[in-house]
Amino acid sequence: MSLLPGAEPFRHEGGETAVLLCHGFTGSPQSLRPWAEHLAERGLTVSLPLLPGHGTRWQDLGVTGWQDWYAQVDRELRLLSDRSERLFVAGLSMGGALALRLAARHGDAVSGVMVVNPANKVHGVAAHALPVLRHLVPATKGIASDIAKPLTRELGYEKVPLHAAHSLRNFFRLVDGELPGVTQPLLLMRSPQDHVVPPADSARILGRVSSADVTEILLEQSYHVATLDHDAERIFRESAAFIGRLAPGAVKEPGLGKEGTTTGG
């Protein structure tokens, strides 16, 4: 099955500090591409993989599960850790849950965590019925493109396959139990007006992680896909500053090489 235009993974070889970005459920790397490019322009090594079952058609997602999505980012993290001195993980929505699990399981190999509107639970009146409902109904309406900015669209599926939603529900339960294992510095950025993930999810995460260094930022002008919304530039700036604080010297000004000289494009 061919990829949707714009859903391609992104990879940039930069300096010794790397960032692994994880996109959300039913979404694609398109939702995080501007964030990835912002970090790459500042000299960081950046990986933004395409999760299995995503970026093609919703039916492909229905035959995958959380083990497939997590295995993809876990593999990317191991590849990055082999060539990086410092490694940061980041994600949007379900991607935030993936990033948090990576941090919990890989410990000191991860220097910091950055999440935007991280998800912790499958919500909705039918969530508890997913174990049965998924055998009766193939899919429900999509969740993509919750964006306040006019004329801006997220590249995501128009439907949510219920087999995959059931797997996602199990994954959130698993990650919730592992949150106390997250000890790294945490930057959590969330939208008070989010029509996909309620504020309770961020509150739950903040209440369960063991991180002593925690920064919470409100994205007042954006909805769920804040990385493509009015607060996108703020997300990019805050994350670059977060990395720069924890890895001094890692973040360069755009257009400057490692020695402070201008490089060609």
C-alpha atoms as a PDB file:
ATOM      1  CA  MET A   1       0.000   0.000   0.000  1.00  0.00           C
ATOM      2  CA  SER A   2       1.465   3.355  -1.054  1.00  0.00           C
ATOM      3  CA  LEU A   3       2.073   6.123   1.453  1.00  0.00           C
ATOM      4  CA  LEU A   4      -0.142   9.186   1.541  1.00  0.00           C
ATOM      5  CA  PRO A   5       1.777  12.235   0.262  1.00  0.00           C
ATOM      6  CA  GLY A   6       3.257  13.999   3.282  1.00  0.00           C
ATOM      7  CA  ALA A   7       3.211  10.933   5.566  1.00  0.00           C
ATOM      8  CA  GLU A   8       6.855  10.060   4.932  1.00  0.00           C
ATOM      9  CA  PRO A   9       9.182   9.549   7.903  1.00  0.00           C
ATOM     10  CA  PHE A  10      11.811  12.237   8.563  1.00  0.00           C
ATOM     11  CA  ARG A  11      15.456  11.703   9.454  1.00  0.00           C
ATOM     12  CA  HIS A  12      18.251  14.244   9.880  1.00  0.00           C
ATOM     13  CA  GLU A  13      21.851  13.504  10.818  1.00  0.00           C
ATOM     14  CA  GLY A  14      23.069  16.299  13.038  1.00  0.00           C
ATOM     15  CA  GLY A  15      25.218  16.510  16.141  1.00  0.00           C
ATOM     16  CA  GLU A  16      25.792  14.202  19.095  1.00  0.00           C
ATOM     17  CA  THR A  17      22.435  15.080  20.713  1.00  0.00           C
ATOM     18  CA  ALA A  18      19.434  13.298  19.193  1.00  0.00           C
ATOM     19  CA  VAL A  19      15.655  13.641  19.424  1.00  0.00           C
ATOM     20  CA  LEU A  20      13.167  10.866  18.692  1.00  0.00           C
ATOM     21  CA  LEU A  21       9.681  12.174  17.828  1.00  0.00           C
ATOM     22  CA  CYS A  22       6.570   9.960  18.001  1.00  0.00           C
ATOM     23  CA  HIS A  23       3.380  10.844  16.139  1.00  0.00           C
ATOM     24  CA  GLY A  24      -0.160  10.099  17.293  1.00  0.00           C
ATOM     25  CA  PHE A  25      -2.803   7.418  16.743  1.00  0.00           C
ATOM     26  CA  THR A  26      -4.290   7.487  13.197  1.00  0.00           C
ATOM     27  CA  GLY A  27      -1.927  10.377  12.374  1.00  0.00           C
ATOM     28  CA  SER A  28       1.420  10.496  10.576  1.00  0.00           C
ATOM     29  CA  PRO A  29       4.827  12.223  10.686  1.00  0.00           C
ATOM     30  CA  GLN A  30       3.182  15.185   8.915  1.00  0.00           C
ATOM     31  CA  SER A  31       1.767  16.399  12.245  1.00  0.00           C
ATOM     32  CA  LEU A  32       5.271  16.676  13.742  1.00  0.00           C
ATOM     33  CA  ARG A  33       7.299  17.505  10.633  1.00  0.00           C
ATOM     34  CA  PRO A  34       7.625  21.265  11.367  1.00  0.00           C
ATOM     35  CA  TRP A  35       8.788  20.431  14.916  1.00  0.00           C
ATOM     36  CA  ALA A  36      11.315  17.925  13.571  1.00  0.00           C
ATOM     37  CA  GLU A  37      12.617  20.423  11.005  1.00  0.00           C
ATOM     38  CA  HIS A  38      12.939  23.166  13.640  1.00  0.00           C
ATOM     39  CA  LEU A  39      15.134  20.911  15.802  1.00  0.00           C
ATOM     40  CA  ALA A  40      17.137  19.669  12.801  1.00  0.00           C
ATOM     41  CA  GLU A  41      17.879  23.261  11.737  1.00  0.00           C
ATOM     42  CA  ARG A  42      19.465  23.772  15.152  1.00  0.00           C
ATOM     43  CA  GLY A  43      22.045  21.056  14.713  1.00  0.00           C
ATOM     44  CA  LEU A  44      20.292  18.155  16.413  1.00  0.00           C
ATOM     45  CA  THR A  45      20.022  14.647  15.052  1.00  0.00           C
ATOM     46  CA  VAL A  46      16.296  14.006  14.571  1.00  0.00           C
ATOM     47  CA  SER A  47      14.275  10.864  13.863  1.00  0.00           C
ATOM     48  CA  LEU A  48      10.531  10.964  13.171  1.00  0.00           C
ATOM     49  CA  PRO A  49       9.455   7.449  12.137  1.00  0.00           C
ATOM     50  CA  LEU A  50       6.190   6.370  10.547  1.00  0.00           C
ATOM     51  CA  LEU A  51       4.363   3.982  12.869  1.00  0.00           C
ATOM     52  CA  PRO A  52       3.120   0.661  11.419  1.00  0.00           C
ATOM     53  CA  GLY A  53      -0.399   0.830   9.968  1.00  0.00           C
ATOM     54  CA  HIS A  54      -0.274   4.626   9.638  1.00  0.00           C
ATOM     55  CA  GLY A  55       0.061   6.916   6.646  1.00  0.00           C
ATOM     56  CA  THR A  56      -1.725   4.636   4.167  1.00  0.00           C
ATOM     57  CA  ARG A  57      -5.390   3.708   4.811  1.00  0.00           C
ATOM     58  CA  TRP A  58      -7.304   3.063   8.007  1.00  0.00           C
ATOM     59  CA  GLN A  59      -7.818  -0.612   7.216  1.00  0.00           C
ATOM     60  CA  ASP A  60      -4.044  -1.130   7.481  1.00  0.00           C
ATOM     61  CA  LEU A  61      -4.090   0.226  11.025  1.00  0.00           C
ATOM     62  CA  GLY A  62      -6.772  -2.307  11.967  1.00  0.00           C
ATOM     63  CA  VAL A  63      -4.361  -5.223  11.636  1.00  0.00           C
ATOM     64  CA  THR A  64      -1.690  -3.666  13.846  1.00  0.00           C
ATOM     65  CA  GLY A  65      -1.484  -3.182  17.606  1.00  0.00           C
ATOM     66  CA  TRP A  66       0.451  -1.333  20.285  1.00  0.00           C
ATOM     67  CA  GLN A  67       3.252  -3.888  20.205  1.00  0.00           C
ATOM     68  CA  ASP A  68       3.942  -2.908  16.580  1.00  0.00           C
ATOM     69  CA  TRP A  69       3.886   0.838  17.265  1.00  0.00           C
ATOM     70  CA  TYR A  70       6.077   0.592  20.344  1.00  0.00           C
ATOM     71  CA  ALA A  71       8.544  -1.785  18.667  1.00  0.00           C
ATOM     72  CA  GLN A  72       9.076   0.797  15.909  1.00  0.00           C
ATOM     73  CA  VAL A  73      10.033   3.641  18.263  1.00  0.00           C
ATOM     74  CA  ASP A  74      12.026   1.310  20.517  1.00  0.00           C
ATOM     75  CA  ARG A  75      14.058   0.233  17.483  1.00  0.00           C
ATOM     76  CA  GLU A  76      14.639   3.866  16.497  1.00  0.00           C
ATOM     77  CA  LEU A  77      15.751   4.740  20.027  1.00  0.00           C
ATOM     78  CA  ARG A  78      18.323   1.935  20.046  1.00  0.00           C
ATOM     79  CA  LEU A  79      19.718   3.062  16.699  1.00  0.00           C
ATOM     80  CA  LEU A  80      19.989   6.654  17.918  1.00  0.00           C
ATOM     81  CA  SER A  81      21.542   5.692  21.256  1.00  0.00           C
ATOM     82  CA  ASP A  82      24.341   3.865  19.441  1.00  0.00           C
ATOM     83  CA  ARG A  83      25.511   7.110  17.812  1.00  0.00           C
ATOM     84  CA  SER A  84      24.438   9.820  20.257  1.00  0.00           C
ATOM     85  CA  GLU A  85      25.833  11.191  23.502  1.00  0.00           C
ATOM     86  CA  ARG A  86      22.443  12.450  24.645  1.00  0.00           C
ATOM     87  CA  LEU A  87      18.978  11.358  23.587  1.00  0.00           C
ATOM     88  CA  PHE A  88      15.592  13.020  24.063  1.00  0.00           C
ATOM     89  CA  VAL A  89      12.173  11.526  23.360  1.00  0.00           C
ATOM     90  CA  ALA A  90       9.065  13.484  22.403  1.00  0.00           C
ATOM     91  CA  GLY A  91       5.548  12.874  21.186  1.00  0.00           C
ATOM     92  CA  LEU A  92       2.043  14.105  20.484  1.00  0.00           C
ATOM     93  CA  SER A  93      -1.041  12.379  21.963  1.00  0.00           C
ATOM     94  CA  MET A  94      -0.444   8.600  21.779  1.00  0.00           C
ATOM     95  CA  GLY A  95       3.078   9.539  20.725  1.00  0.00           C
ATOM     96  CA  GLY A  96       3.430  11.121  24.150  1.00  0.00           C
ATOM     97  CA  ALA A  97       2.529   7.793  25.762  1.00  0.00           C
ATOM     98  CA  LEU A  98       5.090   6.051  23.546  1.00  0.00           C
ATOM     99  CA  ALA A  99       7.742   8.580  24.592  1.00  0.00           C
ATOM    100  CA  LEU A 100       6.907   8.157  28.275  1.00  0.00           C
ATOM    101  CA  ARG A 101       7.212   4.370  28.015  1.00  0.00           C
ATOM    102  CA  LEU A 102      10.565   4.700  26.269  1.00  0.00           C
ATOM    103  CA  ALA A 103      11.744   6.905  29.133  1.00  0.00           C
ATOM    104  CA  ALA A 104      10.455   4.495  31.787  1.00  0.00           C
ATOM    105  CA  ARG A 105      12.055   1.460  30.171  1.00  0.00           C
ATOM    106  CA  HIS A 106      15.361   2.921  28.987  1.00  0.00           C
ATOM    107  CA  GLY A 107      16.192   4.966  32.080  1.00  0.00           C
ATOM    108  CA  ASP A 108      19.513   6.803  31.900  1.00  0.00           C
ATOM    109  CA  ALA A 109      19.735   6.320  28.130  1.00  0.00           C
ATOM    110  CA  VAL A 110      17.053   9.041  27.849  1.00  0.00           C
ATOM    111  CA  SER A 111      18.041  12.549  28.971  1.00  0.00           C
ATOM    112  CA  GLY A 112      14.615  14.184  28.851  1.00  0.00           C
ATOM    113  CA  VAL A 113      10.999  13.867  27.716  1.00  0.00           C
ATOM    114  CA  MET A 114       8.843  16.374  25.808  1.00  0.00           C
ATOM    115  CA  VAL A 115       5.140  15.681  25.298  1.00  0.00           C
ATOM    116  CA  VAL A 116       2.277  17.634  23.720  1.00  0.00           C
ATOM    117  CA  ASN A 117      -1.282  16.795  24.795  1.00  0.00           C
ATOM    118  CA  PRO A 118      -0.209  13.305  25.907  1.00  0.00           C
ATOM    119  CA  ALA A 119      -2.923  10.658  26.033  1.00  0.00           C
ATOM    120  CA  ASN A 120      -3.411   8.336  28.987  1.00  0.00           C
ATOM    121  CA  LYS A 121      -6.814   6.774  28.366  1.00  0.00           C
ATOM    122  CA  VAL A 122      -9.329   5.974  25.625  1.00  0.00           C
ATOM    123  CA  HIS A 123     -12.342   8.182  26.299  1.00  0.00           C
ATOM    124  CA  GLY A 124     -15.962   8.055  25.178  1.00  0.00           C
ATOM    125  CA  VAL A 125     -19.085   6.182  26.187  1.00  0.00           C
ATOM    126  CA  ALA A 126     -18.154   3.134  24.104  1.00  0.00           C
ATOM    127  CA  ALA A 127     -14.594   2.755  25.442  1.00  0.00           C
ATOM    128  CA  HIS A 128     -15.577   0.096  27.983  1.00  0.00           C
ATOM    129  CA  ALA A 129     -17.396  -1.854  25.256  1.00  0.00           C
ATOM    130  CA  LEU A 130     -14.415  -2.054  22.880  1.00  0.00           C
ATOM    131  CA  PRO A 131     -13.585  -5.706  23.687  1.00  0.00           C
ATOM    132  CA  VAL A 132     -16.983  -6.740  22.264  1.00  0.00           C
ATOM    133  CA  LEU A 133     -17.777  -3.840  19.935  1.00  0.00           C
ATOM    134  CA  ARG A 134     -14.639  -4.333  17.835  1.00  0.00           C
ATOM    135  CA  HIS A 135     -16.028  -7.680  16.647  1.00  0.00           C
ATOM    136  CA  LEU A 136     -19.303  -6.077  15.548  1.00  0.00           C
ATOM    137  CA  VAL A 137     -18.276  -2.724  14.076  1.00  0.00           C
ATOM    138  CA  PRO A 138     -15.072  -2.277  12.037  1.00  0.00           C
ATOM    139  CA  ALA A 139     -14.531   1.423  12.666  1.00  0.00           C
ATOM    140  CA  THR A 140     -15.872   4.657  14.096  1.00  0.00           C
ATOM    141  CA  LYS A 141     -15.446   8.300  13.061  1.00  0.00           C
ATOM    142  CA  GLY A 142     -11.955   9.754  12.949  1.00  0.00           C
ATOM    143  CA  ILE A 143     -10.227  12.020  15.464  1.00  0.00           C
ATOM    144  CA  ALA A 144      -7.753  13.798  13.157  1.00  0.00           C
ATOM    145  CA  SER A 145      -7.385  17.546  12.563  1.00  0.00           C
ATOM    146  CA  ASP A 146      -8.539  19.008  15.888  1.00  0.00           C
ATOM    147  CA  ILE A 147      -6.880  22.338  15.042  1.00  0.00           C
ATOM    148  CA  ALA A 148      -8.008  25.899  15.820  1.00  0.00           C
ATOM    149  CA  LYS A 149      -5.921  27.494  13.056  1.00  0.00           C
ATOM    150  CA  PRO A 150      -8.040  28.053   9.923  1.00  0.00           C
ATOM    151  CA  LEU A 151      -7.231  26.109   6.749  1.00  0.00           C
ATOM    152  CA  THR A 152      -4.723  23.871   8.540  1.00  0.00           C
ATOM    153  CA  ARG A 153      -5.226  20.129   8.268  1.00  0.00           C
ATOM    154  CA  GLU A 154      -3.651  17.115   9.882  1.00  0.00           C
ATOM    155  CA  LEU A 155      -2.921  14.173   7.613  1.00  0.00           C
ATOM    156  CA  GLY A 156      -4.827  11.442   9.433  1.00  0.00           C
ATOM    157  CA  TYR A 157      -7.423   8.762   8.899  1.00  0.00           C
ATOM    158  CA  GLU A 158     -11.105   9.595   8.533  1.00  0.00           C
ATOM    159  CA  LYS A 159     -11.961   6.487  10.560  1.00  0.00           C
ATOM    160  CA  VAL A 160     -10.648   4.756  13.681  1.00  0.00           C
ATOM    161  CA  PRO A 161     -10.478   0.936  13.384  1.00  0.00           C
ATOM    162  CA  LEU A 162     -11.855  -0.506  16.615  1.00  0.00           C
ATOM    163  CA  HIS A 163      -9.405  -3.421  16.814  1.00  0.00           C
ATOM    164  CA  ALA A 164      -6.590  -0.872  16.932  1.00  0.00           C
ATOM    165  CA  ALA A 165      -8.513   1.306  19.417  1.00  0.00           C
ATOM    166  CA  HIS A 166      -8.883  -1.718  21.698  1.00  0.00           C
ATOM    167  CA  SER A 167      -5.146  -2.323  21.518  1.00  0.00           C
ATOM    168  CA  LEU A 168      -4.526   1.367  22.244  1.00  0.00           C
ATOM    169  CA  ARG A 169      -6.726   1.120  25.341  1.00  0.00           C
ATOM    170  CA  ASN A 170      -4.607  -1.789  26.600  1.00  0.00           C
ATOM    171  CA  PHE A 171      -1.433   0.158  25.867  1.00  0.00           C
ATOM    172  CA  PHE A 172      -2.568   3.169  27.880  1.00  0.00           C
ATOM    173  CA  ARG A 173      -3.271   0.920  30.851  1.00  0.00           C
ATOM    174  CA  LEU A 174       0.198  -0.571  30.552  1.00  0.00           C
ATOM    175  CA  VAL A 175       1.902   2.820  30.321  1.00  0.00           C
ATOM    176  CA  ASP A 176      -0.096   4.175  33.255  1.00  0.00           C
ATOM    177  CA  GLY A 177       1.399   1.460  35.429  1.00  0.00           C
ATOM    178  CA  GLU A 178       4.909   2.333  34.242  1.00  0.00           C
ATOM    179  CA  LEU A 179       4.700   6.109  34.736  1.00  0.00           C
ATOM    180  CA  PRO A 180       6.397   6.026  38.185  1.00  0.00           C
ATOM    181  CA  GLY A 181       9.455   4.741  36.323  1.00  0.00           C
ATOM    182  CA  VAL A 182       9.762   8.045  34.454  1.00  0.00           C
ATOM    183  CA  THR A 183      12.450   9.984  36.344  1.00  0.00           C
ATOM    184  CA  GLN A 184      13.871  12.209  33.596  1.00  0.00           C
ATOM    185  CA  PRO A 185      13.222  15.938  33.254  1.00  0.00           C
ATOM    186  CA  LEU A 186       9.780  16.377  31.705  1.00  0.00           C
ATOM    187  CA  LEU A 187       8.365  19.165  29.544  1.00  0.00           C
ATOM    188  CA  LEU A 188       4.593  18.766  29.246  1.00  0.00           C
ATOM    189  CA  MET A 189       2.743  21.160  26.945  1.00  0.00           C
ATOM    190  CA  ARG A 190      -1.037  20.977  26.783  1.00  0.00           C
ATOM    191  CA  SER A 191      -4.046  22.725  25.291  1.00  0.00           C
ATOM    192  CA  PRO A 192      -6.829  23.659  27.734  1.00  0.00           C
ATOM    193  CA  GLN A 193      -9.215  23.369  24.754  1.00  0.00           C
ATOM    194  CA  ASP A 194      -8.596  19.873  23.415  1.00  0.00           C
ATOM    195  CA  HIS A 195     -11.463  17.926  21.826  1.00  0.00           C
ATOM    196  CA  VAL A 196      -9.571  14.612  21.688  1.00  0.00           C
ATOM    197  CA  VAL A 197      -7.607  14.297  24.946  1.00  0.00           C
ATOM    198  CA  PRO A 198      -9.058  15.938  28.085  1.00  0.00           C
ATOM    199  CA  PRO A 199      -6.912  17.804  30.659  1.00  0.00           C
ATOM    200  CA  ALA A 200      -7.396  14.875  33.050  1.00  0.00           C
ATOM    201  CA  ASP A 201      -4.881  12.854  31.033  1.00  0.00           C
ATOM    202  CA  SER A 202      -2.077  15.371  31.550  1.00  0.00           C
ATOM    203  CA  ALA A 203      -3.012  15.745  35.221  1.00  0.00           C
ATOM    204  CA  ARG A 204      -2.845  11.970  35.653  1.00  0.00           C
ATOM    205  CA  ILE A 205       0.580  11.791  34.002  1.00  0.00           C
ATOM    206  CA  LEU A 206       1.969  14.675  36.069  1.00  0.00           C
ATOM    207  CA  GLY A 207       0.648  13.029  39.212  1.00  0.00           C
ATOM    208  CA  ARG A 208       2.239   9.643  38.514  1.00  0.00           C
ATOM    209  CA  VAL A 209       5.691  10.311  37.055  1.00  0.00           C
ATOM    210  CA  SER A 210       8.679  10.448  39.426  1.00  0.00           C
ATOM    211  CA  SER A 211      10.430  13.314  37.614  1.00  0.00           C
ATOM    212  CA  ALA A 212      11.729  16.047  39.921  1.00  0.00           C
ATOM    213  CA  ASP A 213      12.322  18.482  37.036  1.00  0.00           C
ATOM    214  CA  VAL A 214       8.880  19.152  35.536  1.00  0.00           C
ATOM    215  CA  THR A 215       7.727  22.062  33.373  1.00  0.00           C
ATOM    216  CA  GLU A 216       4.067  22.430  32.366  1.00  0.00           C
ATOM    217  CA  ILE A 217       3.108  24.919  29.658  1.00  0.00           C
ATOM    218  CA  LEU A 218      -0.429  25.836  28.585  1.00  0.00           C
ATOM    219  CA  LEU A 219      -1.082  26.231  24.872  1.00  0.00           C
ATOM    220  CA  GLU A 220      -3.985  28.646  25.127  1.00  0.00           C
ATOM    221  CA  GLN A 221      -4.512  29.267  21.403  1.00  0.00           C
ATOM    222  CA  SER A 222      -4.485  25.665  20.170  1.00  0.00           C
ATOM    223  CA  TYR A 223      -6.564  22.502  20.104  1.00  0.00           C
ATOM    224  CA  HIS A 224      -5.276  18.915  20.167  1.00  0.00           C
ATOM    225  CA  VAL A 225      -2.824  18.968  17.243  1.00  0.00           C
ATOM    226  CA  ALA A 226      -0.988  21.936  18.733  1.00  0.00           C
ATOM    227  CA  THR A 227       2.158  21.154  16.725  1.00  0.00           C
ATOM    228  CA  LEU A 228       0.329  22.457  13.625  1.00  0.00           C
ATOM    229  CA  ASP A 229      -1.698  25.115  15.439  1.00  0.00           C
ATOM    230  CA  HIS A 230      -1.274  28.704  16.653  1.00  0.00           C
ATOM    231  CA  ASP A 231       1.129  27.670  19.446  1.00  0.00           C
ATOM    232  CA  ALA A 232       3.405  25.578  17.220  1.00  0.00           C
ATOM    233  CA  GLU A 233       6.290  28.058  17.305  1.00  0.00           C
ATOM    234  CA  ARG A 234       6.095  28.174  21.078  1.00  0.00           C
ATOM    235  CA  ILE A 235       6.319  24.376  21.256  1.00  0.00           C
ATOM    236  CA  PHE A 236       9.380  24.478  19.026  1.00  0.00           C
ATOM    237  CA  ARG A 237      11.083  27.250  21.034  1.00  0.00           C
ATOM    238  CA  GLU A 238      10.325  25.716  24.421  1.00  0.00           C
ATOM    239  CA  SER A 239      11.560  22.278  23.387  1.00  0.00           C
ATOM    240  CA  ALA A 240      14.782  23.672  21.926  1.00  0.00           C
ATOM    241  CA  ALA A 241      15.359  25.635  25.143  1.00  0.00           C
ATOM    242  CA  PHE A 242      14.611  22.507  27.229  1.00  0.00           C
ATOM    243  CA  ILE A 243      17.191  20.506  25.274  1.00  0.00           C
ATOM    244  CA  GLY A 244      19.690  23.354  25.443  1.00  0.00           C
ATOM    245  CA  ARG A 245      19.361  23.558  29.222  1.00  0.00           C
ATOM    246  CA  LEU A 246      19.950  19.838  29.704  1.00  0.00           C
ATOM    247  CA  ALA A 247      22.562  19.430  26.958  1.00  0.00           C
ATOM    248  CA  PRO A 248      24.561  22.694  26.970  1.00  0.00           C
ATOM    249  CA  GLY A 249      25.967  23.547  23.565  1.00  0.00           C
ATOM    250  CA  ALA A 250      23.820  21.033  21.691  1.00  0.00           C
ATOM    251  CA  VAL A 251      21.388  23.554  20.196  1.00  0.00           C
ATOM    252  CA  LYS A 252      22.905  25.830  17.539  1.00  0.00           C
ATOM    253  CA  GLU A 253      21.534  28.911  15.854  1.00  0.00           C
ATOM    254  CA  PRO A 254      20.226  28.044  12.361  1.00  0.00           C
ATOM    255  CA  GLY A 255      22.849  28.444   9.658  1.00  0.00           C
ATOM    256  CA  LEU A 256      25.798  28.047  12.002  1.00  0.00           C
ATOM    257  CA  GLY A 257      28.072  25.029  11.961  1.00  0.00           C
ATOM    258  CA  LYS A 258      29.629  23.356  14.964  1.00  0.00           C
ATOM    259  CA  GLU A 259      32.398  25.951  15.135  1.00  0.00           C
ATOM    260  CA  GLY A 260      29.994  28.868  14.764  1.00  0.00           C
ATOM    261  CA  THR A 261      30.649  29.322  11.057  1.00  0.00           C
ATOM    262  CA  THR A 262      27.986  29.605   8.392  1.00  0.00           C
ATOM    263  CA  THR A 263      27.395  26.407   6.473  1.00  0.00           C
ATOM    264  CA  GLY A 264      26.042  25.980   2.993  1.00  0.00           C
ATOM    265  CA  GLY A 265      22.647  24.470   2.373  1.00  0.00           C
END
